Amino acid sequence: MSQNEVTFVEEENFKSLVCRRLVECGWMDEVTMLCKEKLKDRLSKGQTVQSITEDDLFNDVAPDARRMLPDTIKRELKVKVQNKLLQTAGYFDETDSES
């Protein structure tokens, strides 16, 4: 397996972990409800569904969604990224980072 293939697999594993954790803690459901609320709010102010862009919805939801992200997930992901960077730099091998 080439270095690019390894990197891609690791990236996909990391994305999968992030998605799994966000579903497990209920964050995805909360953000879905928040999106629905923001859409209803825009519609009640006279906008049409067709006039609301993805960027509009993202800008409405992103600040609240970021605040709702549990600290435990932030810490877990930070440690995993730090360990991977240290491993890549040669400071320790994978068996050291799995503790």
PDB file of N, CA and C in Angstrom:
ATOM      1  N   MET A   1       0.846  -1.177   0.000  1.00  0.00           N
ATOM      2  CA  MET A   1       0.000   0.000   0.000  1.00  0.00           C
ATOM      3  C   MET A   1       0.893   1.243   0.000  1.00  0.00           C
ATOM      4  N   SER A   2       0.593   2.197  -0.871  1.00  0.00           N
ATOM      5  CA  SER A   2       1.399   3.412  -0.954  1.00  0.00           C
ATOM      6  C   SER A   2       1.075   4.345   0.215  1.00  0.00           C
ATOM      7  N   GLN A   3       1.934   5.334   0.421  1.00  0.00           N
ATOM      8  CA  GLN A   3       1.729   6.302   1.504  1.00  0.00           C
ATOM      9  C   GLN A   3       0.410   7.041   1.320  1.00  0.00           C
ATOM     10  N   ASN A   4       0.069   7.408   0.073  1.00  0.00           N
ATOM     11  CA  ASN A   4      -1.202   8.098  -0.187  1.00  0.00           C
ATOM     12  C   ASN A   4      -2.390   7.222   0.162  1.00  0.00           C
ATOM     13  N   GLU A   5      -2.299   5.926  -0.141  1.00  0.00           N
ATOM     14  CA  GLU A   5      -3.391   5.007   0.192  1.00  0.00           C
ATOM     15  C   GLU A   5      -3.537   4.857   1.698  1.00  0.00           C
ATOM     16  N   VAL A   6      -2.426   4.786   2.402  1.00  0.00           N
ATOM     17  CA  VAL A   6      -2.450   4.686   3.861  1.00  0.00           C
ATOM     18  C   VAL A   6      -3.083   5.941   4.450  1.00  0.00           C
ATOM     19  N   THR A   7      -2.666   7.098   3.971  1.00  0.00           N
ATOM     20  CA  THR A   7      -3.207   8.362   4.461  1.00  0.00           C
ATOM     21  C   THR A   7      -4.709   8.434   4.220  1.00  0.00           C
ATOM     22  N   PHE A   8      -5.144   8.011   3.035  1.00  0.00           N
ATOM     23  CA  PHE A   8      -6.572   8.033   2.717  1.00  0.00           C
ATOM     24  C   PHE A   8      -7.352   7.119   3.658  1.00  0.00           C
ATOM     25  N   VAL A   9      -6.841   5.928   3.916  1.00  0.00           N
ATOM     26  CA  VAL A   9      -7.510   4.978   4.811  1.00  0.00           C
ATOM     27  C   VAL A   9      -7.592   5.560   6.220  1.00  0.00           C
ATOM     28  N   GLU A  10      -6.496   6.142   6.695  1.00  0.00           N
ATOM     29  CA  GLU A  10      -6.488   6.749   8.022  1.00  0.00           C
ATOM     30  C   GLU A  10      -7.480   7.900   8.103  1.00  0.00           C
ATOM     31  N   GLU A  11      -7.539   8.697   7.050  1.00  0.00           N
ATOM     32  CA  GLU A  11      -8.481   9.821   7.015  1.00  0.00           C
ATOM     33  C   GLU A  11      -9.921   9.308   7.064  1.00  0.00           C
ATOM     34  N   GLU A  12     -10.216   8.276   6.295  1.00  0.00           N
ATOM     35  CA  GLU A  12     -11.557   7.696   6.299  1.00  0.00           C
ATOM     36  C   GLU A  12     -11.889   7.103   7.660  1.00  0.00           C
ATOM     37  N   ASN A  13     -10.919   6.459   8.307  1.00  0.00           N
ATOM     38  CA  ASN A  13     -11.143   5.912   9.649  1.00  0.00           C
ATOM     39  C   ASN A  13     -11.447   7.024  10.645  1.00  0.00           C
ATOM     40  N   PHE A  14     -10.722   8.131  10.524  1.00  0.00           N
ATOM     41  CA  PHE A  14     -10.939   9.268  11.415  1.00  0.00           C
ATOM     42  C   PHE A  14     -12.328   9.872  11.186  1.00  0.00           C
ATOM     43  N   LYS A  15     -12.707  10.048   9.915  1.00  0.00           N
ATOM     44  CA  LYS A  15     -14.035  10.583   9.596  1.00  0.00           C
ATOM     45  C   LYS A  15     -15.126   9.668  10.146  1.00  0.00           C
ATOM     46  N   SER A  16     -14.926   8.378  10.004  1.00  0.00           N
ATOM     47  CA  SER A  16     -15.890   7.405  10.501  1.00  0.00           C
ATOM     48  C   SER A  16     -16.026   7.507  12.020  1.00  0.00           C
ATOM     49  N   LEU A  17     -14.898   7.644  12.707  1.00  0.00           N
ATOM     50  CA  LEU A  17     -14.918   7.792  14.163  1.00  0.00           C
ATOM     51  C   LEU A  17     -15.679   9.048  14.574  1.00  0.00           C
ATOM     52  N   VAL A  18     -15.390  10.160  13.906  1.00  0.00           N
ATOM     53  CA  VAL A  18     -16.059  11.426  14.223  1.00  0.00           C
ATOM     54  C   VAL A  18     -17.577  11.280  14.041  1.00  0.00           C
ATOM     55  N   CYS A  19     -17.994  10.747  12.908  1.00  0.00           N
ATOM     56  CA  CYS A  19     -19.426  10.580  12.642  1.00  0.00           C
ATOM     57  C   CYS A  19     -20.072   9.669  13.674  1.00  0.00           C
ATOM     58  N   ARG A  20     -19.399   8.572  14.007  1.00  0.00           N
ATOM     59  CA  ARG A  20     -19.946   7.630  14.987  1.00  0.00           C
ATOM     60  C   ARG A  20     -20.128   8.309  16.344  1.00  0.00           C
ATOM     61  N   ARG A  21     -19.120   9.053  16.763  1.00  0.00           N
ATOM     62  CA  ARG A  21     -19.203   9.738  18.067  1.00  0.00           C
ATOM     63  C   ARG A  21     -20.318  10.798  18.084  1.00  0.00           C
ATOM     64  N   LEU A  22     -20.463  11.522  16.979  1.00  0.00           N
ATOM     65  CA  LEU A  22     -21.494  12.563  16.923  1.00  0.00           C
ATOM     66  C   LEU A  22     -22.891  11.959  16.949  1.00  0.00           C
ATOM     67  N   VAL A  23     -23.066  10.808  16.331  1.00  0.00           N
ATOM     68  CA  VAL A  23     -24.361  10.119  16.375  1.00  0.00           C
ATOM     69  C   VAL A  23     -24.606   9.579  17.784  1.00  0.00           C
ATOM     70  N   GLU A  24     -23.595   8.940  18.371  1.00  0.00           N
ATOM     71  CA  GLU A  24     -23.723   8.322  19.696  1.00  0.00           C
ATOM     72  C   GLU A  24     -24.133   9.331  20.772  1.00  0.00           C
ATOM     73  N   CYS A  25     -23.595  10.529  20.705  1.00  0.00           N
ATOM     74  CA  CYS A  25     -23.889  11.521  21.753  1.00  0.00           C
ATOM     75  C   CYS A  25     -25.170  12.307  21.478  1.00  0.00           C
ATOM     76  N   GLY A  26     -25.803  12.077  20.316  1.00  0.00           N
ATOM     77  CA  GLY A  26     -27.046  12.762  20.001  1.00  0.00           C
ATOM     78  C   GLY A  26     -26.870  14.111  19.322  1.00  0.00           C
ATOM     79  N   TRP A  27     -25.626  14.488  19.065  1.00  0.00           N
ATOM     80  CA  TRP A  27     -25.356  15.791  18.453  1.00  0.00           C
ATOM     81  C   TRP A  27     -25.994  15.902  17.076  1.00  0.00           C
ATOM     82  N   MET A  28     -25.925  14.838  16.286  1.00  0.00           N
ATOM     83  CA  MET A  28     -26.490  14.877  14.926  1.00  0.00           C
ATOM     84  C   MET A  28     -27.994  15.149  14.982  1.00  0.00           C
ATOM     85  N   ASP A  29     -28.689  14.497  15.902  1.00  0.00           N
ATOM     86  CA  ASP A  29     -30.128  14.721  16.045  1.00  0.00           C
ATOM     87  C   ASP A  29     -30.423  16.158  16.468  1.00  0.00           C
ATOM     88  N   GLU A  30     -29.621  16.667  17.390  1.00  0.00           N
ATOM     89  CA  GLU A  30     -29.806  18.047  17.849  1.00  0.00           C
ATOM     90  C   GLU A  30     -29.590  19.045  16.719  1.00  0.00           C
ATOM     91  N   VAL A  31     -28.583  18.813  15.897  1.00  0.00           N
ATOM     92  CA  VAL A  31     -28.302  19.723  14.784  1.00  0.00           C
ATOM     93  C   VAL A  31     -29.404  19.620  13.728  1.00  0.00           C
ATOM     94  N   THR A  32     -29.919  18.422  13.520  1.00  0.00           N
ATOM     95  CA  THR A  32     -31.039  18.260  12.583  1.00  0.00           C
ATOM     96  C   THR A  32     -32.242  19.068  13.050  1.00  0.00           C
ATOM     97  N   MET A  33     -32.552  18.988  14.339  1.00  0.00           N
ATOM     98  CA  MET A  33     -33.670  19.774  14.881  1.00  0.00           C
ATOM     99  C   MET A  33     -33.394  21.268  14.764  1.00  0.00           C
ATOM    100  N   LEU A  34     -32.165  21.664  15.007  1.00  0.00           N
ATOM    101  CA  LEU A  34     -31.784  23.071  14.889  1.00  0.00           C
ATOM    102  C   LEU A  34     -31.965  23.556  13.461  1.00  0.00           C
ATOM    103  N   CYS A  35     -31.585  22.732  12.474  1.00  0.00           N
ATOM    104  CA  CYS A  35     -31.772  23.086  11.060  1.00  0.00           C
ATOM    105  C   CYS A  35     -33.253  23.306  10.756  1.00  0.00           C
ATOM    106  N   LYS A  36     -34.083  22.415  11.254  1.00  0.00           N
ATOM    107  CA  LYS A  36     -35.530  22.538  11.027  1.00  0.00           C
ATOM    108  C   LYS A  36     -36.068  23.830  11.643  1.00  0.00           C
ATOM    109  N   GLU A  37     -35.595  24.148  12.851  1.00  0.00           N
ATOM    110  CA  GLU A  37     -36.028  25.393  13.511  1.00  0.00           C
ATOM    111  C   GLU A  37     -35.614  26.619  12.704  1.00  0.00           C
ATOM    112  N   LYS A  38     -34.368  26.624  12.234  1.00  0.00           N
ATOM    113  CA  LYS A  38     -33.869  27.768  11.463  1.00  0.00           C
ATOM    114  C   LYS A  38     -34.623  27.909  10.142  1.00  0.00           C
ATOM    115  N   LEU A  39     -34.945  26.776   9.508  1.00  0.00           N
ATOM    116  CA  LEU A  39     -35.733  26.828   8.272  1.00  0.00           C
ATOM    117  C   LEU A  39     -37.124  27.396   8.539  1.00  0.00           C
ATOM    118  N   LYS A  40     -37.765  26.906   9.604  1.00  0.00           N
ATOM    119  CA  LYS A  40     -39.100  27.413   9.957  1.00  0.00           C
ATOM    120  C   LYS A  40     -39.043  28.912  10.227  1.00  0.00           C
ATOM    121  N   ASP A  41     -38.000  29.352  10.912  1.00  0.00           N
ATOM    122  CA  ASP A  41     -37.837  30.767  11.224  1.00  0.00           C
ATOM    123  C   ASP A  41     -37.728  31.592   9.948  1.00  0.00           C
ATOM    124  N   ARG A  42     -36.916  31.149   9.019  1.00  0.00           N
ATOM    125  CA  ARG A  42     -36.756  31.865   7.747  1.00  0.00           C
ATOM    126  C   ARG A  42     -38.069  31.859   6.950  1.00  0.00           C
ATOM    127  N   LEU A  43     -38.767  30.727   6.961  1.00  0.00           N
ATOM    128  CA  LEU A  43     -40.041  30.635   6.227  1.00  0.00           C
ATOM    129  C   LEU A  43     -41.101  31.546   6.856  1.00  0.00           C
ATOM    130  N   SER A  44     -41.078  31.647   8.184  1.00  0.00           N
ATOM    131  CA  SER A  44     -42.054  32.514   8.859  1.00  0.00           C
ATOM    132  C   SER A  44     -41.791  33.993   8.582  1.00  0.00           C
ATOM    133  N   LYS A  45     -40.583  34.301   8.155  1.00  0.00           N
ATOM    134  CA  LYS A  45     -40.225  35.682   7.815  1.00  0.00           C
ATOM    135  C   LYS A  45     -40.446  35.981   6.335  1.00  0.00           C
ATOM    136  N   GLY A  46     -41.090  35.026   5.619  1.00  0.00           N
ATOM    137  CA  GLY A  46     -41.466  35.271   4.243  1.00  0.00           C
ATOM    138  C   GLY A  46     -40.549  34.718   3.173  1.00  0.00           C
ATOM    139  N   GLN A  47     -39.457  34.094   3.568  1.00  0.00           N
ATOM    140  CA  GLN A  47     -38.583  33.497   2.560  1.00  0.00           C
ATOM    141  C   GLN A  47     -39.231  32.219   2.025  1.00  0.00           C
ATOM    142  N   THR A  48     -38.863  31.849   0.807  1.00  0.00           N
ATOM    143  CA  THR A  48     -39.338  30.594   0.243  1.00  0.00           C
ATOM    144  C   THR A  48     -38.247  29.546   0.380  1.00  0.00           C
ATOM    145  N   VAL A  49     -38.635  28.289   0.328  1.00  0.00           N
ATOM    146  CA  VAL A  49     -37.660  27.208   0.423  1.00  0.00           C
ATOM    147  C   VAL A  49     -36.621  27.344  -0.682  1.00  0.00           C
ATOM    148  N   GLN A  50     -37.056  27.712  -1.868  1.00  0.00           N
ATOM    149  CA  GLN A  50     -36.145  27.835  -2.998  1.00  0.00           C
ATOM    150  C   GLN A  50     -35.129  28.962  -2.824  1.00  0.00           C
ATOM    151  N   SER A  51     -35.467  29.959  -2.029  1.00  0.00           N
ATOM    152  CA  SER A  51     -34.560  31.104  -1.871  1.00  0.00           C
ATOM    153  C   SER A  51     -33.523  30.898  -0.762  1.00  0.00           C
ATOM    154  N   ILE A  52     -33.695  29.855   0.038  1.00  0.00           N
ATOM    155  CA  ILE A  52     -32.758  29.592   1.134  1.00  0.00           C
ATOM    156  C   ILE A  52     -31.636  28.702   0.613  1.00  0.00           C
ATOM    157  N   THR A  53     -30.415  29.197   0.695  1.00  0.00           N
ATOM    158  CA  THR A  53     -29.271  28.433   0.196  1.00  0.00           C
ATOM    159  C   THR A  53     -28.656  27.588   1.313  1.00  0.00           C
ATOM    160  N   GLU A  54     -27.811  26.648   0.922  1.00  0.00           N
ATOM    161  CA  GLU A  54     -27.076  25.851   1.903  1.00  0.00           C
ATOM    162  C   GLU A  54     -26.190  26.754   2.753  1.00  0.00           C
ATOM    163  N   ASP A  55     -25.599  27.755   2.123  1.00  0.00           N
ATOM    164  CA  ASP A  55     -24.755  28.698   2.866  1.00  0.00           C
ATOM    165  C   ASP A  55     -25.562  29.451   3.919  1.00  0.00           C
ATOM    166  N   ASP A  56     -26.789  29.860   3.561  1.00  0.00           N
ATOM    167  CA  ASP A  56     -27.654  30.547   4.528  1.00  0.00           C
ATOM    168  C   ASP A  56     -27.889  29.662   5.751  1.00  0.00           C
ATOM    169  N   LEU A  57     -28.268  28.421   5.477  1.00  0.00           N
ATOM    170  CA  LEU A  57     -28.566  27.492   6.562  1.00  0.00           C
ATOM    171  C   LEU A  57     -27.316  27.200   7.388  1.00  0.00           C
ATOM    172  N   PHE A  58     -26.191  26.996   6.721  1.00  0.00           N
ATOM    173  CA  PHE A  58     -24.939  26.751   7.428  1.00  0.00           C
ATOM    174  C   PHE A  58     -24.600  27.912   8.350  1.00  0.00           C
ATOM    175  N   ASN A  59     -24.693  29.134   7.828  1.00  0.00           N
ATOM    176  CA  ASN A  59     -24.373  30.317   8.636  1.00  0.00           C
ATOM    177  C   ASN A  59     -25.315  30.474   9.819  1.00  0.00           C
ATOM    178  N   ASP A  60     -26.559  30.054   9.664  1.00  0.00           N
ATOM    179  CA  ASP A  60     -27.519  30.112  10.772  1.00  0.00           C
ATOM    180  C   ASP A  60     -27.202  29.072  11.846  1.00  0.00           C
ATOM    181  N   VAL A  61     -26.795  27.890  11.430  1.00  0.00           N
ATOM    182  CA  VAL A  61     -26.683  26.747  12.335  1.00  0.00           C
ATOM    183  C   VAL A  61     -25.277  26.563  12.921  1.00  0.00           C
ATOM    184  N   ALA A  62     -24.252  26.842  12.160  1.00  0.00           N
ATOM    185  CA  ALA A  62     -22.875  26.512  12.555  1.00  0.00           C
ATOM    186  C   ALA A  62     -22.459  27.033  13.939  1.00  0.00           C
ATOM    187  N   PRO A  63     -22.713  28.293  14.275  1.00  0.00           N
ATOM    188  CA  PRO A  63     -22.259  28.753  15.597  1.00  0.00           C
ATOM    189  C   PRO A  63     -22.880  27.956  16.751  1.00  0.00           C
ATOM    190  N   ASP A  64     -24.176  27.693  16.663  1.00  0.00           N
ATOM    191  CA  ASP A  64     -24.843  26.915  17.720  1.00  0.00           C
ATOM    192  C   ASP A  64     -24.362  25.467  17.718  1.00  0.00           C
ATOM    193  N   ALA A  65     -24.186  24.893  16.529  1.00  0.00           N
ATOM    194  CA  ALA A  65     -23.737  23.499  16.426  1.00  0.00           C
ATOM    195  C   ALA A  65     -22.352  23.335  17.046  1.00  0.00           C
ATOM    196  N   ARG A  66     -21.484  24.299  16.819  1.00  0.00           N
ATOM    197  CA  ARG A  66     -20.137  24.231  17.412  1.00  0.00           C
ATOM    198  C   ARG A  66     -20.205  24.288  18.934  1.00  0.00           C
ATOM    199  N   ARG A  67     -21.067  25.149  19.465  1.00  0.00           N
ATOM    200  CA  ARG A  67     -21.213  25.259  20.921  1.00  0.00           C
ATOM    201  C   ARG A  67     -21.795  23.991  21.525  1.00  0.00           C
ATOM    202  N   MET A  68     -22.606  23.275  20.778  1.00  0.00           N
ATOM    203  CA  MET A  68     -23.270  22.074  21.279  1.00  0.00           C
ATOM    204  C   MET A  68     -22.359  20.847  21.272  1.00  0.00           C
ATOM    205  N   LEU A  69     -21.211  20.926  20.634  1.00  0.00           N
ATOM    206  CA  LEU A  69     -20.307  19.785  20.540  1.00  0.00           C
ATOM    207  C   LEU A  69     -19.732  19.474  21.923  1.00  0.00           C
ATOM    208  N   PRO A  70     -19.933  18.251  22.413  1.00  0.00           N
ATOM    209  CA  PRO A  70     -19.460  17.902  23.764  1.00  0.00           C
ATOM    210  C   PRO A  70     -17.944  17.996  23.894  1.00  0.00           C
ATOM    211  N   ASP A  71     -17.492  18.492  25.039  1.00  0.00           N
ATOM    212  CA  ASP A  71     -16.056  18.624  25.310  1.00  0.00           C
ATOM    213  C   ASP A  71     -15.352  17.274  25.288  1.00  0.00           C
ATOM    214  N   THR A  72     -16.036  16.213  25.706  1.00  0.00           N
ATOM    215  CA  THR A  72     -15.400  14.898  25.718  1.00  0.00           C
ATOM    216  C   THR A  72     -15.007  14.463  24.311  1.00  0.00           C
ATOM    217  N   ILE A  73     -15.843  14.766  23.337  1.00  0.00           N
ATOM    218  CA  ILE A  73     -15.533  14.405  21.954  1.00  0.00           C
ATOM    219  C   ILE A  73     -14.389  15.265  21.438  1.00  0.00           C
ATOM    220  N   LYS A  74     -14.405  16.543  21.765  1.00  0.00           N
ATOM    221  CA  LYS A  74     -13.311  17.424  21.344  1.00  0.00           C
ATOM    222  C   LYS A  74     -11.974  16.912  21.880  1.00  0.00           C
ATOM    223  N   ARG A  75     -11.959  16.535  23.173  1.00  0.00           N
ATOM    224  CA  ARG A  75     -10.719  16.048  23.785  1.00  0.00           C
ATOM    225  C   ARG A  75     -10.259  14.741  23.145  1.00  0.00           C
ATOM    226  N   GLU A  76     -11.200  13.818  22.929  1.00  0.00           N
ATOM    227  CA  GLU A  76     -10.839  12.529  22.334  1.00  0.00           C
ATOM    228  C   GLU A  76     -10.213  12.723  20.951  1.00  0.00           C
ATOM    229  N   LEU A  77     -10.831  13.547  20.139  1.00  0.00           N
ATOM    230  CA  LEU A  77     -10.326  13.765  18.785  1.00  0.00           C
ATOM    231  C   LEU A  77      -8.990  14.492  18.803  1.00  0.00           C
ATOM    232  N   LYS A  78      -8.840  15.439  19.718  1.00  0.00           N
ATOM    233  CA  LYS A  78      -7.573  16.163  19.840  1.00  0.00           C
ATOM    234  C   LYS A  78      -6.440  15.202  20.183  1.00  0.00           C
ATOM    235  N   VAL A  79      -6.671  14.289  21.114  1.00  0.00           N
ATOM    236  CA  VAL A  79      -5.650  13.321  21.506  1.00  0.00           C
ATOM    237  C   VAL A  79      -5.301  12.410  20.335  1.00  0.00           C
ATOM    238  N   LYS A  80      -6.304  11.953  19.600  1.00  0.00           N
ATOM    239  CA  LYS A  80      -6.043  11.072  18.452  1.00  0.00           C
ATOM    240  C   LYS A  80      -5.210  11.784  17.382  1.00  0.00           C
ATOM    241  N   VAL A  81      -5.532  13.030  17.107  1.00  0.00           N
ATOM    242  CA  VAL A  81      -4.770  13.789  16.110  1.00  0.00           C
ATOM    243  C   VAL A  81      -3.342  14.025  16.607  1.00  0.00           C
ATOM    244  N   GLN A  82      -3.198  14.420  17.868  1.00  0.00           N
ATOM    245  CA  GLN A  82      -1.857  14.645  18.421  1.00  0.00           C
ATOM    246  C   GLN A  82      -1.015  13.376  18.354  1.00  0.00           C
ATOM    247  N   ASN A  83      -1.611  12.251  18.739  1.00  0.00           N
ATOM    248  CA  ASN A  83      -0.881  10.985  18.720  1.00  0.00           C
ATOM    249  C   ASN A  83      -0.451  10.612  17.302  1.00  0.00           C
ATOM    250  N   LYS A  84      -1.331  10.834  16.339  1.00  0.00           N
ATOM    251  CA  LYS A  84      -0.994  10.517  14.952  1.00  0.00           C
ATOM    252  C   LYS A  84       0.152  11.406  14.459  1.00  0.00           C
ATOM    253  N   LEU A  85       0.094  12.682  14.800  1.00  0.00           N
ATOM    254  CA  LEU A  85       1.171  13.590  14.399  1.00  0.00           C
ATOM    255  C   LEU A  85       2.502  13.197  15.043  1.00  0.00           C
ATOM    256  N   LEU A  86       2.464  12.830  16.314  1.00  0.00           N
ATOM    257  CA  LEU A  86       3.682  12.405  16.996  1.00  0.00           C
ATOM    258  C   LEU A  86       4.216  11.098  16.402  1.00  0.00           C
ATOM    259  N   GLN A  87       3.315  10.188  16.078  1.00  0.00           N
ATOM    260  CA  GLN A  87       3.726   8.927  15.463  1.00  0.00           C
ATOM    261  C   GLN A  87       4.362   9.185  14.097  1.00  0.00           C
ATOM    262  N   THR A  88       3.722  10.046  13.308  1.00  0.00           N
ATOM    263  CA  THR A  88       4.235  10.373  11.981  1.00  0.00           C
ATOM    264  C   THR A  88       5.614  11.026  12.082  1.00  0.00           C
ATOM    265  N   ALA A  89       5.818  11.828  13.118  1.00  0.00           N
ATOM    266  CA  ALA A  89       7.104  12.506  13.303  1.00  0.00           C
ATOM    267  C   ALA A  89       8.161  11.583  13.892  1.00  0.00           C
ATOM    268  N   GLY A  90       7.744  10.368  14.275  1.00  0.00           N
ATOM    269  CA  GLY A  90       8.704   9.390  14.783  1.00  0.00           C
ATOM    270  C   GLY A  90       8.952   9.434  16.276  1.00  0.00           C
ATOM    271  N   TYR A  91       8.098  10.104  17.033  1.00  0.00           N
ATOM    272  CA  TYR A  91       8.305  10.190  18.477  1.00  0.00           C
ATOM    273  C   TYR A  91       7.868   8.938  19.215  1.00  0.00           C
ATOM    274  N   PHE A  92       6.888   8.218  18.674  1.00  0.00           N
ATOM    275  CA  PHE A  92       6.519   6.924  19.237  1.00  0.00           C
ATOM    276  C   PHE A  92       5.756   6.124  18.192  1.00  0.00           C
ATOM    277  N   ASP A  93       5.678   4.829  18.417  1.00  0.00           N
ATOM    278  CA  ASP A  93       5.001   3.989  17.441  1.00  0.00           C
ATOM    279  C   ASP A  93       3.538   3.805  17.845  1.00  0.00           C
ATOM    280  N   GLU A  94       2.781   3.150  16.969  1.00  0.00           N
ATOM    281  CA  GLU A  94       1.345   2.995  17.163  1.00  0.00           C
ATOM    282  C   GLU A  94       1.003   2.282  18.467  1.00  0.00           C
ATOM    283  N   THR A  95       1.804   1.335  18.901  1.00  0.00           N
ATOM    284  CA  THR A  95       1.495   0.608  20.113  1.00  0.00           C
ATOM    285  C   THR A  95       1.569   1.521  21.324  1.00  0.00           C
ATOM    286  N   ASP A  96       2.419   2.540  21.284  1.00  0.00           N
ATOM    287  CA  ASP A  96       2.501   3.498  22.391  1.00  0.00           C
ATOM    288  C   ASP A  96       1.283   4.389  22.454  1.00  0.00           C
ATOM    289  N   SER A  97       0.649   4.686  21.312  1.00  0.00           N
ATOM    290  CA  SER A  97      -0.448   5.663  21.257  1.00  0.00           C
ATOM    291  C   SER A  97      -1.804   5.048  21.540  1.00  0.00           C
ATOM    292  N   GLU A  98      -1.878   3.728  21.704  1.00  0.00           N
ATOM    293  CA  GLU A  98      -3.157   3.063  21.887  1.00  0.00           C
ATOM    294  C   GLU A  98      -3.568   2.956  23.336  1.00  0.00           C
ATOM    295  N   SER A  99      -2.845   3.557  24.254  1.00  0.00           N
ATOM    296  CA  SER A  99      -3.173   3.432  25.665  1.00  0.00           C
ATOM    297  C   SER A  99      -4.336   4.280  26.073  1.00  0.00           C
TER     298      SER A  99
END
